[in-house]
Structures are given as structure tokens and as C-alpha cells.
């Protein structure tokens, strides 16, 4: 077995204590890569969704790509090598071909965005991470239609490509970085309605959080395994999460391996 940050994450998931949903009162947790991911549940799939909802995650960050024949597919990587053992590029496969794949673990087929959204309707919210390359307008029109049909658009947060942010501007809150927030505050009105501050937790300090708070902009730090050196990620993530909580941050997009640090 090749040891990677992701596989280390799965090991530590079982060593860290899970504490019940009530221990995050006042906090809003956003599950990175589509839900709670561990040795039994893969990214962006049914079991991960259901476990995140059971644990009272407020929102799921979902990765959206496009198949060869224009289907919106929920999947993080450009290929299906991880979890499905197939090295073909998603963008070069039809939806019919994609549906023949089965995951390890779980023996699940990949989900379409339509299927994923239907599972979330009335149960949780979505952070939308569209993946490149660029897409035709029909791709975003389909995303918007699916969100509207499932009553998920108004509550959504949009990250991902600039194309996606431009399409959804004024329809949902858009995640922007630290420098873009400073520019928006100087040049635009109603920044609190238009934006959230979305940045790596390790890059957010007291002055940046205070600036966002002053203008009513929700701060959403992302604290993910790949942000830190593999051998130090647990310690560093824990320190960042505790520091940000002390600064009054209430929304966190996390890999579920870090959940215990927010349930202390």
C-alpha cells in the first residue's frame, strides 16, 4: 500500500474521538469533497452524504465535472483512478460508460449532480466547486436548473472556477480570497450579500477576520489535509481551528478527519 496524506487521514479518522453533533453548537461545518470520507465512505457519494447529514454538517462541498456527452458528474479528480481503479479521463467518457464503474470501497457508481442534489434537497446545503477546463453556458444553466429544482440555489456558496463565480454572481454568495475582498470592500456595495471570504485557514489572521466581520462578510476557512506537510497536518490543523474559533469564526470547510477538533 502506498502511504499518502489521504491514507494517513483515513487512519487518523479512527484514532480521533467522534463527539456528537451537539458539541458544535454555534458552528457551521462544511464537509470537504462531498461528505464524511473515511475507510468505508468515498468522496462525493451516497454514504458520505448520509454520514455528514447524520453528524449535522450544515453544508457539503461538492465537486462538479462534465462528461464527454455533457452530463454533470460529481467527482473531484480528472480521472477515475482513485476509488474506481480506472485511469481514463472523466471528460473523455460518456455518462453511460461512467455508470459502469464501481468504487472500492462500497461498489458504488459515480453520481450525477442531479442525483446528488436530489439527495441533499431539504436536508443540507451545498458549496459548489466546479472544475475546469472552461465550460459552455449550457453547463452552468444545467447547474442552475438543478439547484433551483431542489431549492438549493439561494443557500449555496460558489467557489471553483471564475466562470462559475461569474455565472452565479447575484444568484448565490460567491467565495472570494483575501485580496479580492479588500478590493470589493473599496469598490462595491452590499459585499455581505454578494460574498463570503473563502481562504485557507492557515492564511487567515486576526486583522483579516476583523475586516470581514466589520463588513458583515461570512468568513469560511478551508482546513484540508493537503494544506499542510503530511507528517504535521493534524497538529497544524488543530492549532488553526482552535485559533480561528477564538477569533469568532463560525463556518469551517474541513476534511472530516479534523472534525473532532471542532467538537472539543
Protein backbone atom coordinates (compact mmCIF):
# COMPACT_ATOMS: atom_id res chain seq x y z
CA UNK A 1 0.00 0.00 0.00
CA UNK A 2 1.31 3.45 -0.90
CA UNK A 3 1.10 5.83 2.09
CA UNK A 4 -0.29 9.21 1.07
CA UNK A 5 -1.74 12.15 3.04
CA UNK A 6 -5.18 10.81 2.15
CA UNK A 7 -4.45 7.33 3.50
CA UNK A 8 -2.93 8.82 6.67
CA UNK A 9 -6.14 10.79 7.01
CA UNK A 10 -8.17 7.57 7.00
CA UNK A 11 -6.02 6.01 9.72
CA UNK A 12 -6.29 9.03 11.98
CA UNK A 13 -10.06 9.17 11.47
CA UNK A 14 -10.34 6.12 13.71
CA UNK A 15 -7.86 7.40 16.31
CA UNK A 16 -9.57 10.74 16.87
CA UNK A 17 -12.67 10.63 19.07
CA UNK A 18 -16.01 11.36 17.44
CA UNK A 19 -18.18 13.63 19.55
CA UNK A 20 -21.86 14.10 18.91
CA UNK A 21 -23.48 16.89 16.90
CA UNK A 22 -24.42 19.00 19.94
CA UNK A 23 -20.76 19.74 20.65
CA UNK A 24 -20.60 22.07 17.60
CA UNK A 25 -23.45 24.33 18.76
CA UNK A 26 -22.99 27.70 17.05
CA UNK A 27 -20.61 26.32 14.42
CA UNK A 28 -21.39 25.51 10.78
CA UNK A 29 -19.36 22.65 9.36
CA UNK A 30 -18.91 22.18 5.61
CA UNK A 31 -17.77 18.71 4.53
CA UNK A 32 -14.91 18.82 2.01
CA UNK A 33 -15.23 16.54 -1.05
CA UNK A 34 -18.86 15.74 -0.66
CA UNK A 35 -19.29 14.40 2.84
CA UNK A 36 -17.65 12.36 5.58
CA UNK A 37 -14.84 10.42 3.91
CA UNK A 38 -13.09 7.52 5.63
CA UNK A 39 -12.14 3.88 5.08
CA UNK A 40 -15.77 2.94 4.40
CA UNK A 41 -17.03 6.02 2.53
CA UNK A 42 -15.60 7.51 -0.65
CA UNK A 43 -15.66 11.13 -1.74
CA UNK A 44 -18.80 12.64 -3.29
CA UNK A 45 -21.03 9.61 -2.87
CA UNK A 46 -24.16 8.44 -1.10
CA UNK A 47 -22.64 7.05 2.10
CA UNK A 48 -20.50 10.17 2.58
CA UNK A 49 -23.57 12.39 2.16
CA UNK A 50 -25.67 10.39 4.60
CA UNK A 51 -22.98 10.32 7.28
CA UNK A 52 -22.42 14.09 7.02
CA UNK A 53 -26.15 14.70 7.42
CA UNK A 54 -26.26 12.33 10.40
CA UNK A 55 -23.44 14.31 12.01
CA UNK A 56 -25.25 17.62 11.41
CA UNK A 57 -22.90 19.14 8.85
CA UNK A 58 -24.51 22.34 7.65
CA UNK A 59 -23.22 22.09 4.07
CA UNK A 60 -21.41 19.76 1.69
CA UNK A 61 -18.71 20.92 -0.70
CA UNK A 62 -19.37 19.12 -3.98
CA UNK A 63 -17.00 18.78 -6.97
CA UNK A 64 -18.65 19.02 -10.39
CA UNK A 65 -17.17 17.98 -13.74
CA UNK A 66 -18.55 17.39 -17.25
CA UNK A 67 -18.64 14.11 -19.15
CA UNK A 68 -17.95 13.75 -22.86
CA UNK A 69 -21.66 13.91 -23.60
CA UNK A 70 -22.42 16.86 -21.36
CA UNK A 71 -23.58 15.18 -18.15
CA UNK A 72 -22.74 16.96 -14.87
CA UNK A 73 -20.79 14.39 -12.85
CA UNK A 74 -19.88 14.66 -9.17
CA UNK A 75 -16.19 13.75 -8.91
CA UNK A 76 -13.06 15.51 -7.68
CA UNK A 77 -10.23 14.13 -9.85
CA UNK A 78 -9.78 14.45 -13.59
CA UNK A 79 -9.64 10.63 -13.84
CA UNK A 80 -11.29 7.73 -12.01
CA UNK A 81 -8.02 6.11 -10.90
CA UNK A 82 -8.62 6.73 -7.20
CA UNK A 83 -11.56 4.81 -5.78
CA UNK A 84 -12.57 3.28 -9.15
CA UNK A 85 -9.24 1.98 -10.48
CA UNK A 86 -9.85 3.41 -13.97
CA UNK A 87 -7.27 5.80 -15.40
CA UNK A 88 -9.50 7.23 -18.13
CA UNK A 89 -10.26 10.93 -18.04
CA UNK A 90 -13.80 11.73 -16.97
CA UNK A 91 -14.09 14.34 -19.74
CA UNK A 92 -13.38 11.65 -22.35
CA UNK A 93 -16.05 9.22 -21.11
CA UNK A 94 -19.79 9.20 -21.73
CA UNK A 95 -22.26 9.06 -18.87
CA UNK A 96 -23.18 5.52 -19.92
CA UNK A 97 -19.53 4.45 -19.61
CA UNK A 98 -19.15 6.22 -16.27
CA UNK A 99 -22.16 4.42 -14.85
CA UNK A 100 -20.45 1.04 -15.35
CA UNK A 101 -17.72 1.94 -12.81
CA UNK A 102 -17.86 0.64 -9.23
CA UNK A 103 -15.96 2.07 -6.30
CA UNK A 104 -13.60 0.40 -3.86
CA UNK A 105 -14.82 0.50 -1.12
CA UNK A 106 -18.57 0.42 -1.47
CA UNK A 107 -19.18 -0.78 -5.03
CA UNK A 108 -20.97 2.49 -5.82
CA UNK A 109 -21.34 4.11 -9.24
CA UNK A 110 -20.40 7.79 -9.59
CA UNK A 111 -23.27 10.22 -9.06
CA UNK A 112 -24.60 12.81 -11.45
CA UNK A 113 -25.07 16.28 -9.99
CA UNK A 114 -28.80 15.81 -10.44
CA UNK A 115 -28.73 12.67 -8.27
CA UNK A 116 -26.51 14.33 -5.68
CA UNK A 117 -28.70 17.43 -5.40
CA UNK A 118 -31.84 15.33 -5.02
CA UNK A 119 -30.24 13.51 -2.06
CA UNK A 120 -29.49 16.86 -0.42
CA UNK A 121 -32.84 18.58 -1.03
CA UNK A 122 -34.37 19.77 2.24
CA UNK A 123 -31.60 18.11 4.26
CA UNK A 124 -28.42 20.14 3.83
CA UNK A 125 -26.85 22.93 1.74
CA UNK A 126 -24.19 22.95 -0.98
CA UNK A 127 -20.85 24.61 -1.61
CA UNK A 128 -20.26 24.31 -5.36
CA UNK A 129 -16.75 23.63 -6.62
CA UNK A 130 -16.83 23.41 -10.40
CA UNK A 131 -13.73 22.01 -12.06
CA UNK A 132 -12.11 23.18 -15.29
CA UNK A 133 -11.44 23.39 -18.11
CA UNK A 134 -13.88 26.04 -19.28
CA UNK A 135 -17.46 25.04 -19.97
CA UNK A 136 -20.14 26.20 -22.34
CA UNK A 137 -23.00 28.30 -20.92
CA UNK A 138 -25.27 25.23 -21.05
CA UNK A 139 -23.18 23.57 -18.33
CA UNK A 140 -23.89 26.38 -15.86
CA UNK A 141 -27.50 26.67 -16.98
CA UNK A 142 -27.94 22.98 -16.14
CA UNK A 143 -26.30 23.50 -12.74
CA UNK A 144 -28.61 26.40 -12.01
CA UNK A 145 -31.70 24.48 -13.11
CA UNK A 146 -30.85 21.53 -10.88
CA UNK A 147 -30.20 23.80 -7.90
CA UNK A 148 -33.47 25.64 -8.39
CA UNK A 149 -35.46 22.41 -8.78
CA UNK A 150 -34.07 21.20 -5.46
CA UNK A 151 -34.39 24.52 -3.58
CA UNK A 152 -30.62 24.67 -3.13
CA UNK A 153 -29.65 27.82 -5.04
CA UNK A 154 -30.41 30.60 -2.56
CA UNK A 155 -28.43 28.93 0.24
CA UNK A 156 -25.46 27.88 -1.92
CA UNK A 157 -21.89 29.12 -1.73
CA UNK A 158 -19.97 29.14 -5.03
CA UNK A 159 -16.23 28.54 -5.25
CA UNK A 160 -14.26 26.90 -8.06
CA UNK A 161 -13.65 28.50 -11.43
CA UNK A 162 -14.03 32.16 -12.25
CA UNK A 163 -16.52 31.18 -14.93
CA UNK A 164 -18.73 29.61 -12.29
CA UNK A 165 -18.47 32.62 -9.99
CA UNK A 166 -19.43 34.95 -12.84
CA UNK A 167 -22.46 32.86 -13.75
CA UNK A 168 -23.79 32.67 -10.19
CA UNK A 169 -22.97 36.25 -9.15
CA UNK A 170 -26.16 37.79 -7.77
CA UNK A 171 -27.85 34.37 -7.55
CA UNK A 172 -25.81 32.88 -4.69
CA UNK A 173 -22.95 34.00 -2.50
CA UNK A 174 -19.55 33.74 -4.16
CA UNK A 175 -16.36 32.85 -2.33
CA UNK A 176 -13.51 35.31 -2.81
CA UNK A 177 -9.99 35.49 -1.43
CA UNK A 178 -8.34 37.95 0.91
CA UNK A 179 -7.08 40.47 -1.65
CA UNK A 180 -10.28 40.28 -3.70
CA UNK A 181 -12.27 41.04 -0.55
CA UNK A 182 -10.21 44.15 0.11
CA UNK A 183 -10.87 45.33 -3.44
CA UNK A 184 -14.58 44.56 -3.19
CA UNK A 185 -14.91 46.47 0.07
CA UNK A 186 -13.26 49.50 -1.52
CA UNK A 187 -15.26 49.41 -4.75
CA UNK A 188 -18.63 47.72 -4.21
CA UNK A 189 -21.78 47.99 -2.15
CA UNK A 190 -23.56 45.13 -0.34
CA UNK A 191 -20.46 42.97 -0.07
CA UNK A 192 -22.10 40.99 2.75
CA UNK A 193 -24.88 39.87 0.39
CA UNK A 194 -22.58 39.06 -2.52
CA UNK A 195 -19.57 37.34 -0.98
CA UNK A 196 -18.08 35.11 1.64
CA UNK A 197 -14.37 35.19 2.44
CA UNK A 198 -13.06 31.77 1.41
CA UNK A 199 -9.37 31.18 2.15
CA UNK A 200 -7.02 28.62 3.67
CA UNK A 201 -7.37 28.71 7.43
CA UNK A 202 -3.61 28.94 7.88
CA UNK A 203 -3.60 32.24 5.93
CA UNK A 204 -6.29 33.99 7.99
CA UNK A 205 -5.18 36.22 10.84
CA UNK A 206 -6.96 38.45 13.34
CA UNK A 207 -6.87 41.56 11.14
CA UNK A 208 -8.40 39.81 8.13
CA UNK A 209 -11.18 38.22 10.21
CA UNK A 210 -11.89 41.61 11.81
CA UNK A 211 -12.11 43.29 8.39
CA UNK A 212 -14.63 40.73 7.14
CA UNK A 213 -16.63 40.96 10.35
CA UNK A 214 -16.74 44.75 10.12
CA UNK A 215 -18.44 44.49 6.72
CA UNK A 216 -20.70 41.57 7.61
CA UNK A 217 -18.90 39.13 5.32
CA UNK A 218 -19.00 35.50 6.45
CA UNK A 219 -15.54 34.01 6.93
CA UNK A 220 -15.20 30.44 5.65
CA UNK A 221 -11.73 28.99 6.24
CA UNK A 222 -10.82 25.80 4.42
CA UNK A 223 -8.79 23.38 6.52
CA UNK A 224 -7.83 20.42 4.34
CA UNK A 225 -5.19 17.71 4.55
CA UNK A 226 -3.25 18.92 1.51
CA UNK A 227 -2.70 22.38 3.08
CA UNK A 228 -0.08 21.01 5.48
CA UNK A 229 3.03 18.79 5.44
CA UNK A 230 1.86 15.17 5.71
CA UNK A 231 3.60 14.41 8.99
CA UNK A 232 2.36 17.58 10.66
CA UNK A 233 -1.14 18.06 9.30
CA UNK A 234 -3.08 17.01 12.41
CA UNK A 235 -1.16 19.24 14.80
CA UNK A 236 -1.20 22.24 12.47
CA UNK A 237 -4.84 21.88 11.53
CA UNK A 238 -5.84 21.59 15.19
CA UNK A 239 -3.92 24.77 16.02
CA UNK A 240 -5.52 26.69 13.14
CA UNK A 241 -9.03 25.55 14.02
CA UNK A 242 -8.65 26.47 17.67
CA UNK A 243 -7.15 29.85 16.81
CA UNK A 244 -9.92 30.68 14.35
CA UNK A 245 -12.63 29.64 16.81
CA UNK A 246 -11.09 32.02 19.34
CA UNK A 247 -11.34 34.81 16.73
CA UNK A 248 -15.07 34.15 16.48
CA UNK A 249 -15.13 32.27 13.16
CA UNK A 250 -18.21 30.05 12.96
CA UNK A 251 -18.06 28.46 9.46
CA UNK A 252 -15.42 25.86 8.60
CA UNK A 253 -14.88 23.83 5.45
CA UNK A 254 -12.95 20.78 6.64
CA UNK A 255 -11.80 17.30 5.81
CA UNK A 256 -13.81 15.17 8.23
CA UNK A 257 -10.62 13.85 9.87
CA UNK A 258 -10.43 17.26 11.61
CA UNK A 259 -14.00 17.19 12.89
CA UNK A 260 -13.02 16.18 16.43
CA UNK A 261 -11.04 19.39 16.89
CA UNK A 262 -14.22 21.43 16.37
CA UNK A 263 -16.25 19.20 18.68
CA UNK A 264 -14.00 19.77 21.72
